[in-house]
Amino acid sequence: MRISEVTERTGIPARLLRYYEEQDLLVPGRNASGYRDYTDQDVEVARRIRQLLDAGLGTAAIRTVLPCLTEHAGRLTPTCTDTIEDLEREQVRIEASIAALTASRDAIGSVIDAGRAGSA
């Protein structure tokens, strides 16, 4: 199928599908004319990539875990032992980012509160 059909079926813009390909996350075939030729499996892979990006993983991490994920009962499920460890490392990284953002938010809140108190 053409890239426009994949976009229609997944809601993922064509430019992102091309980006996934540039990042070696998605490898569609090519027809005789050189156009991308996507399969139903490519559609599923694109959806998984989108889920993982939405979950906060970067493309390098996705490249590592993607081959070891399957979908079971509508949920991504690791099929390789190392994948769980990779995802746990990503979870720790995300938690550290949340902590840093929370500290930044609180610091800005303190400045705002001081400004409000000073102008009252």
N, C-alpha and C. Protein backbone atom coordinates (compact mmCIF):
# COMPACT_ATOMS: atom_id res chain seq x y z
N MET A 1 0.85 -1.18 0.00
CA MET A 1 0.00 0.00 0.00
C MET A 1 0.89 1.24 0.00
N ARG A 2 0.35 2.34 -0.47
CA ARG A 2 1.08 3.59 -0.55
C ARG A 2 1.09 4.29 0.80
N ILE A 3 1.99 5.26 0.93
CA ILE A 3 2.14 5.99 2.18
C ILE A 3 0.86 6.71 2.57
N SER A 4 0.11 7.19 1.58
CA SER A 4 -1.15 7.90 1.88
C SER A 4 -2.15 6.97 2.57
N GLU A 5 -2.17 5.71 2.19
CA GLU A 5 -3.09 4.77 2.83
C GLU A 5 -2.65 4.47 4.27
N VAL A 6 -1.35 4.36 4.49
CA VAL A 6 -0.85 4.14 5.84
C VAL A 6 -1.21 5.33 6.72
N THR A 7 -1.06 6.53 6.19
CA THR A 7 -1.43 7.74 6.92
C THR A 7 -2.91 7.71 7.27
N GLU A 8 -3.71 7.33 6.31
CA GLU A 8 -5.17 7.26 6.54
C GLU A 8 -5.50 6.22 7.61
N ARG A 9 -4.85 5.07 7.56
CA ARG A 9 -5.17 3.99 8.50
C ARG A 9 -4.63 4.22 9.90
N THR A 10 -3.51 4.97 10.01
CA THR A 10 -2.88 5.14 11.32
C THR A 10 -3.06 6.53 11.92
N GLY A 11 -3.33 7.51 11.07
CA GLY A 11 -3.38 8.89 11.55
C GLY A 11 -1.99 9.49 11.71
N ILE A 12 -0.97 8.77 11.28
CA ILE A 12 0.41 9.26 11.38
C ILE A 12 0.74 9.98 10.07
N PRO A 13 1.15 11.24 10.16
CA PRO A 13 1.46 11.98 8.94
C PRO A 13 2.59 11.33 8.13
N ALA A 14 2.55 11.52 6.83
CA ALA A 14 3.54 10.92 5.93
C ALA A 14 4.96 11.36 6.31
N ARG A 15 5.14 12.62 6.71
CA ARG A 15 6.48 13.08 7.06
C ARG A 15 7.04 12.30 8.25
N LEU A 16 6.17 11.91 9.19
CA LEU A 16 6.63 11.11 10.33
C LEU A 16 6.95 9.68 9.90
N LEU A 17 6.16 9.14 9.00
CA LEU A 17 6.46 7.80 8.49
C LEU A 17 7.83 7.80 7.80
N ARG A 18 8.12 8.85 7.04
CA ARG A 18 9.44 8.95 6.39
C ARG A 18 10.54 9.12 7.44
N TYR A 19 10.24 9.86 8.51
CA TYR A 19 11.20 10.02 9.60
C TYR A 19 11.48 8.68 10.27
N TYR A 20 10.44 7.90 10.52
CA TYR A 20 10.63 6.57 11.11
C TYR A 20 11.54 5.73 10.22
N GLU A 21 11.37 5.87 8.94
CA GLU A 21 12.23 5.14 7.99
C GLU A 21 13.67 5.65 8.09
N GLU A 22 13.86 6.96 8.14
CA GLU A 22 15.20 7.54 8.28
C GLU A 22 15.90 7.04 9.54
N GLN A 23 15.11 6.81 10.58
CA GLN A 23 15.65 6.35 11.86
C GLN A 23 15.80 4.83 11.93
N ASP A 24 15.57 4.16 10.83
CA ASP A 24 15.64 2.69 10.74
C ASP A 24 14.66 2.00 11.68
N LEU A 25 13.52 2.62 11.89
CA LEU A 25 12.48 2.02 12.71
C LEU A 25 11.44 1.31 11.85
N LEU A 26 11.29 1.77 10.65
CA LEU A 26 10.29 1.24 9.73
C LEU A 26 10.99 1.04 8.38
N VAL A 27 10.82 -0.15 7.82
CA VAL A 27 11.53 -0.47 6.58
C VAL A 27 10.52 -0.98 5.54
N PRO A 28 9.82 -0.04 4.88
CA PRO A 28 8.88 -0.48 3.85
C PRO A 28 9.64 -0.99 2.63
N GLY A 29 8.98 -1.83 1.87
CA GLY A 29 9.56 -2.28 0.62
C GLY A 29 9.47 -1.16 -0.40
N ARG A 30 10.04 -1.40 -1.55
CA ARG A 30 9.97 -0.44 -2.65
C ARG A 30 9.45 -1.17 -3.88
N ASN A 31 8.56 -0.53 -4.62
CA ASN A 31 8.07 -1.15 -5.85
C ASN A 31 9.04 -0.82 -6.99
N ALA A 32 8.73 -1.31 -8.17
CA ALA A 32 9.62 -1.12 -9.32
C ALA A 32 9.88 0.34 -9.64
N SER A 33 8.92 1.20 -9.32
CA SER A 33 9.08 2.64 -9.58
C SER A 33 9.85 3.35 -8.48
N GLY A 34 10.17 2.63 -7.42
CA GLY A 34 10.89 3.22 -6.30
C GLY A 34 10.00 3.77 -5.20
N TYR A 35 8.67 3.70 -5.39
CA TYR A 35 7.76 4.17 -4.35
C TYR A 35 7.74 3.20 -3.18
N ARG A 36 7.52 3.76 -2.00
CA ARG A 36 7.39 2.91 -0.81
C ARG A 36 6.18 2.00 -0.97
N ASP A 37 6.34 0.78 -0.51
CA ASP A 37 5.25 -0.20 -0.59
C ASP A 37 5.09 -0.81 0.80
N TYR A 38 4.09 -0.33 1.53
CA TYR A 38 3.86 -0.75 2.91
C TYR A 38 2.97 -1.99 2.97
N THR A 39 3.20 -2.81 3.99
CA THR A 39 2.37 -3.98 4.24
C THR A 39 1.52 -3.73 5.48
N ASP A 40 0.59 -4.64 5.75
CA ASP A 40 -0.19 -4.55 6.98
C ASP A 40 0.72 -4.61 8.20
N GLN A 41 1.79 -5.37 8.12
CA GLN A 41 2.74 -5.46 9.24
C GLN A 41 3.42 -4.11 9.46
N ASP A 42 3.75 -3.40 8.37
CA ASP A 42 4.34 -2.07 8.51
C ASP A 42 3.38 -1.12 9.22
N VAL A 43 2.09 -1.26 8.93
CA VAL A 43 1.08 -0.42 9.60
C VAL A 43 1.13 -0.69 11.10
N GLU A 44 1.19 -1.94 11.49
CA GLU A 44 1.25 -2.28 12.92
C GLU A 44 2.54 -1.77 13.55
N VAL A 45 3.65 -1.90 12.86
CA VAL A 45 4.93 -1.39 13.38
C VAL A 45 4.85 0.13 13.56
N ALA A 46 4.28 0.83 12.59
CA ALA A 46 4.14 2.29 12.70
C ALA A 46 3.30 2.65 13.93
N ARG A 47 2.25 1.92 14.17
CA ARG A 47 1.41 2.17 15.36
C ARG A 47 2.20 1.94 16.65
N ARG A 48 3.00 0.88 16.67
CA ARG A 48 3.82 0.60 17.86
C ARG A 48 4.83 1.72 18.09
N ILE A 49 5.46 2.16 17.02
CA ILE A 49 6.42 3.27 17.13
C ILE A 49 5.73 4.48 17.73
N ARG A 50 4.55 4.81 17.22
CA ARG A 50 3.81 5.97 17.73
C ARG A 50 3.50 5.81 19.21
N GLN A 51 3.08 4.60 19.62
CA GLN A 51 2.78 4.34 21.04
C GLN A 51 4.02 4.57 21.90
N LEU A 52 5.14 4.08 21.44
CA LEU A 52 6.38 4.20 22.21
C LEU A 52 6.85 5.65 22.27
N LEU A 53 6.72 6.38 21.17
CA LEU A 53 7.06 7.80 21.20
C LEU A 53 6.14 8.55 22.15
N ASP A 54 4.85 8.23 22.09
CA ASP A 54 3.88 8.87 23.00
C ASP A 54 4.18 8.54 24.46
N ALA A 55 4.79 7.38 24.70
CA ALA A 55 5.14 6.98 26.06
C ALA A 55 6.41 7.66 26.55
N GLY A 56 7.10 8.38 25.65
CA GLY A 56 8.28 9.13 26.07
C GLY A 56 9.60 8.52 25.66
N LEU A 57 9.59 7.44 24.92
CA LEU A 57 10.84 6.84 24.49
C LEU A 57 11.38 7.58 23.28
N GLY A 58 12.70 7.66 23.20
CA GLY A 58 13.35 8.25 22.04
C GLY A 58 13.54 7.20 20.95
N THR A 59 13.91 7.66 19.79
CA THR A 59 14.03 6.73 18.67
C THR A 59 15.15 5.70 18.88
N ALA A 60 16.23 6.08 19.56
CA ALA A 60 17.30 5.11 19.82
C ALA A 60 16.80 3.98 20.71
N ALA A 61 16.05 4.31 21.74
CA ALA A 61 15.49 3.28 22.63
C ALA A 61 14.47 2.43 21.88
N ILE A 62 13.67 3.08 21.05
CA ILE A 62 12.66 2.34 20.29
C ILE A 62 13.34 1.35 19.34
N ARG A 63 14.42 1.79 18.71
CA ARG A 63 15.15 0.90 17.80
C ARG A 63 15.61 -0.36 18.54
N THR A 64 15.95 -0.22 19.81
CA THR A 64 16.42 -1.34 20.61
C THR A 64 15.29 -2.27 21.01
N VAL A 65 14.17 -1.72 21.45
CA VAL A 65 13.10 -2.56 22.00
C VAL A 65 12.07 -3.03 20.98
N LEU A 66 11.93 -2.31 19.89
CA LEU A 66 10.88 -2.61 18.91
C LEU A 66 10.89 -4.06 18.40
N PRO A 67 12.06 -4.62 18.08
CA PRO A 67 12.04 -6.00 17.58
C PRO A 67 11.56 -7.02 18.61
N CYS A 68 11.56 -6.63 19.87
CA CYS A 68 11.19 -7.57 20.93
C CYS A 68 9.85 -7.23 21.57
N LEU A 69 8.99 -6.57 20.81
CA LEU A 69 7.65 -6.26 21.30
C LEU A 69 6.61 -6.88 20.39
N THR A 70 5.57 -7.37 21.02
CA THR A 70 4.42 -7.86 20.27
C THR A 70 3.19 -7.24 20.91
N GLU A 71 2.07 -7.40 20.29
CA GLU A 71 0.84 -6.88 20.88
C GLU A 71 0.01 -8.05 21.35
N HIS A 72 -0.42 -7.98 22.60
CA HIS A 72 -1.23 -9.04 23.19
C HIS A 72 -2.39 -8.38 23.92
N ALA A 73 -3.59 -8.73 23.55
CA ALA A 73 -4.80 -8.17 24.17
C ALA A 73 -4.79 -6.64 24.13
N GLY A 74 -4.30 -6.09 23.01
CA GLY A 74 -4.30 -4.65 22.84
C GLY A 74 -3.19 -3.92 23.56
N ARG A 75 -2.24 -4.64 24.15
CA ARG A 75 -1.14 -4.01 24.88
C ARG A 75 0.18 -4.49 24.32
N LEU A 76 1.16 -3.59 24.27
CA LEU A 76 2.49 -4.00 23.87
C LEU A 76 3.09 -4.88 24.95
N THR A 77 3.69 -5.98 24.52
CA THR A 77 4.22 -6.96 25.46
C THR A 77 5.64 -7.34 25.03
N PRO A 78 6.61 -7.25 25.96
CA PRO A 78 7.97 -7.65 25.61
C PRO A 78 8.07 -9.16 25.39
N THR A 79 8.88 -9.54 24.40
CA THR A 79 9.10 -10.95 24.13
C THR A 79 10.53 -11.37 24.45
N CYS A 80 11.39 -10.41 24.77
CA CYS A 80 12.79 -10.69 25.11
C CYS A 80 13.06 -10.21 26.54
N THR A 81 13.82 -10.97 27.28
CA THR A 81 14.13 -10.62 28.66
C THR A 81 14.83 -9.26 28.76
N ASP A 82 15.79 -9.02 27.87
CA ASP A 82 16.53 -7.75 27.90
C ASP A 82 15.63 -6.54 27.68
N THR A 83 14.54 -6.74 26.99
CA THR A 83 13.65 -5.63 26.69
C THR A 83 13.05 -5.05 27.97
N ILE A 84 12.72 -5.90 28.91
CA ILE A 84 12.17 -5.42 30.18
C ILE A 84 13.19 -4.53 30.87
N GLU A 85 14.46 -4.94 30.87
CA GLU A 85 15.51 -4.14 31.49
C GLU A 85 15.69 -2.82 30.75
N ASP A 86 15.64 -2.85 29.41
CA ASP A 86 15.75 -1.62 28.62
C ASP A 86 14.61 -0.67 28.96
N LEU A 87 13.40 -1.21 29.07
CA LEU A 87 12.24 -0.37 29.39
C LEU A 87 12.31 0.16 30.82
N GLU A 88 12.84 -0.63 31.73
CA GLU A 88 13.01 -0.16 33.11
C GLU A 88 13.99 1.01 33.16
N ARG A 89 15.08 0.94 32.37
CA ARG A 89 16.03 2.06 32.30
C ARG A 89 15.35 3.31 31.74
N GLU A 90 14.52 3.13 30.73
CA GLU A 90 13.80 4.27 30.17
C GLU A 90 12.82 4.84 31.18
N GLN A 91 12.19 3.98 31.95
CA GLN A 91 11.26 4.44 32.98
C GLN A 91 12.00 5.27 34.03
N VAL A 92 13.18 4.83 34.44
CA VAL A 92 13.98 5.59 35.40
C VAL A 92 14.36 6.95 34.81
N ARG A 93 14.75 6.96 33.54
CA ARG A 93 15.11 8.21 32.87
C ARG A 93 13.92 9.17 32.85
N ILE A 94 12.75 8.66 32.54
CA ILE A 94 11.54 9.49 32.48
C ILE A 94 11.19 10.00 33.88
N GLU A 95 11.32 9.15 34.88
CA GLU A 95 11.04 9.59 36.26
C GLU A 95 12.00 10.70 36.69
N ALA A 96 13.27 10.60 36.28
CA ALA A 96 14.24 11.66 36.59
C ALA A 96 13.85 12.96 35.89
N SER A 97 13.38 12.86 34.67
CA SER A 97 12.93 14.05 33.94
C SER A 97 11.72 14.68 34.62
N ILE A 98 10.82 13.85 35.09
CA ILE A 98 9.64 14.36 35.80
C ILE A 98 10.07 15.07 37.07
N ALA A 99 11.02 14.49 37.80
CA ALA A 99 11.50 15.12 39.03
C ALA A 99 12.16 16.46 38.73
N ALA A 100 12.95 16.52 37.66
CA ALA A 100 13.60 17.78 37.29
C ALA A 100 12.57 18.83 36.88
N LEU A 101 11.58 18.43 36.12
CA LEU A 101 10.53 19.36 35.71
C LEU A 101 9.70 19.84 36.90
N THR A 102 9.44 18.94 37.83
CA THR A 102 8.70 19.30 39.05
C THR A 102 9.49 20.32 39.86
N ALA A 103 10.80 20.12 39.98
CA ALA A 103 11.64 21.07 40.70
C ALA A 103 11.64 22.42 40.00
N SER A 104 11.70 22.41 38.68
CA SER A 104 11.66 23.67 37.92
C SER A 104 10.33 24.38 38.11
N ARG A 105 9.24 23.62 38.04
CA ARG A 105 7.92 24.20 38.25
C ARG A 105 7.82 24.83 39.63
N ASP A 106 8.30 24.10 40.64
CA ASP A 106 8.23 24.61 42.01
C ASP A 106 9.09 25.87 42.19
N ALA A 107 10.25 25.90 41.55
CA ALA A 107 11.12 27.08 41.64
C ALA A 107 10.45 28.28 41.00
N ILE A 108 9.85 28.09 39.85
CA ILE A 108 9.13 29.19 39.19
C ILE A 108 7.95 29.63 40.05
N GLY A 109 7.26 28.66 40.65
CA GLY A 109 6.14 28.99 41.53
C GLY A 109 6.58 29.84 42.71
N SER A 110 7.76 29.55 43.25
CA SER A 110 8.28 30.34 44.37
C SER A 110 8.56 31.77 43.94
N VAL A 111 9.10 31.94 42.75
CA VAL A 111 9.37 33.28 42.24
C VAL A 111 8.06 34.03 42.04
N ILE A 112 7.08 33.36 41.47
CA ILE A 112 5.77 33.98 41.25
C ILE A 112 5.14 34.38 42.59
N ASP A 113 5.19 33.45 43.54
CA ASP A 113 4.62 33.73 44.87
C ASP A 113 5.30 34.92 45.53
N ALA A 114 6.64 34.99 45.40
CA ALA A 114 7.38 36.11 45.99
C ALA A 114 6.99 37.42 45.31
N GLY A 115 6.81 37.36 44.00
CA GLY A 115 6.40 38.55 43.26
C GLY A 115 5.02 39.02 43.66
N ARG A 116 4.12 38.08 43.84
CA ARG A 116 2.75 38.44 44.25
C ARG A 116 2.74 39.01 45.67
N ALA A 117 3.54 38.40 46.54
CA ALA A 117 3.60 38.86 47.93
C ALA A 117 4.22 40.27 48.02
N GLY A 118 5.20 40.53 47.15
CA GLY A 118 5.86 41.81 47.14
C GLY A 118 5.02 42.92 46.55
N SER A 119 4.09 42.58 45.70
CA SER A 119 3.25 43.61 45.07
C SER A 119 1.92 43.80 45.78
N ALA A 120 1.68 43.02 46.83
CA ALA A 120 0.41 43.14 47.55
C ALA A 120 0.45 44.19 48.62
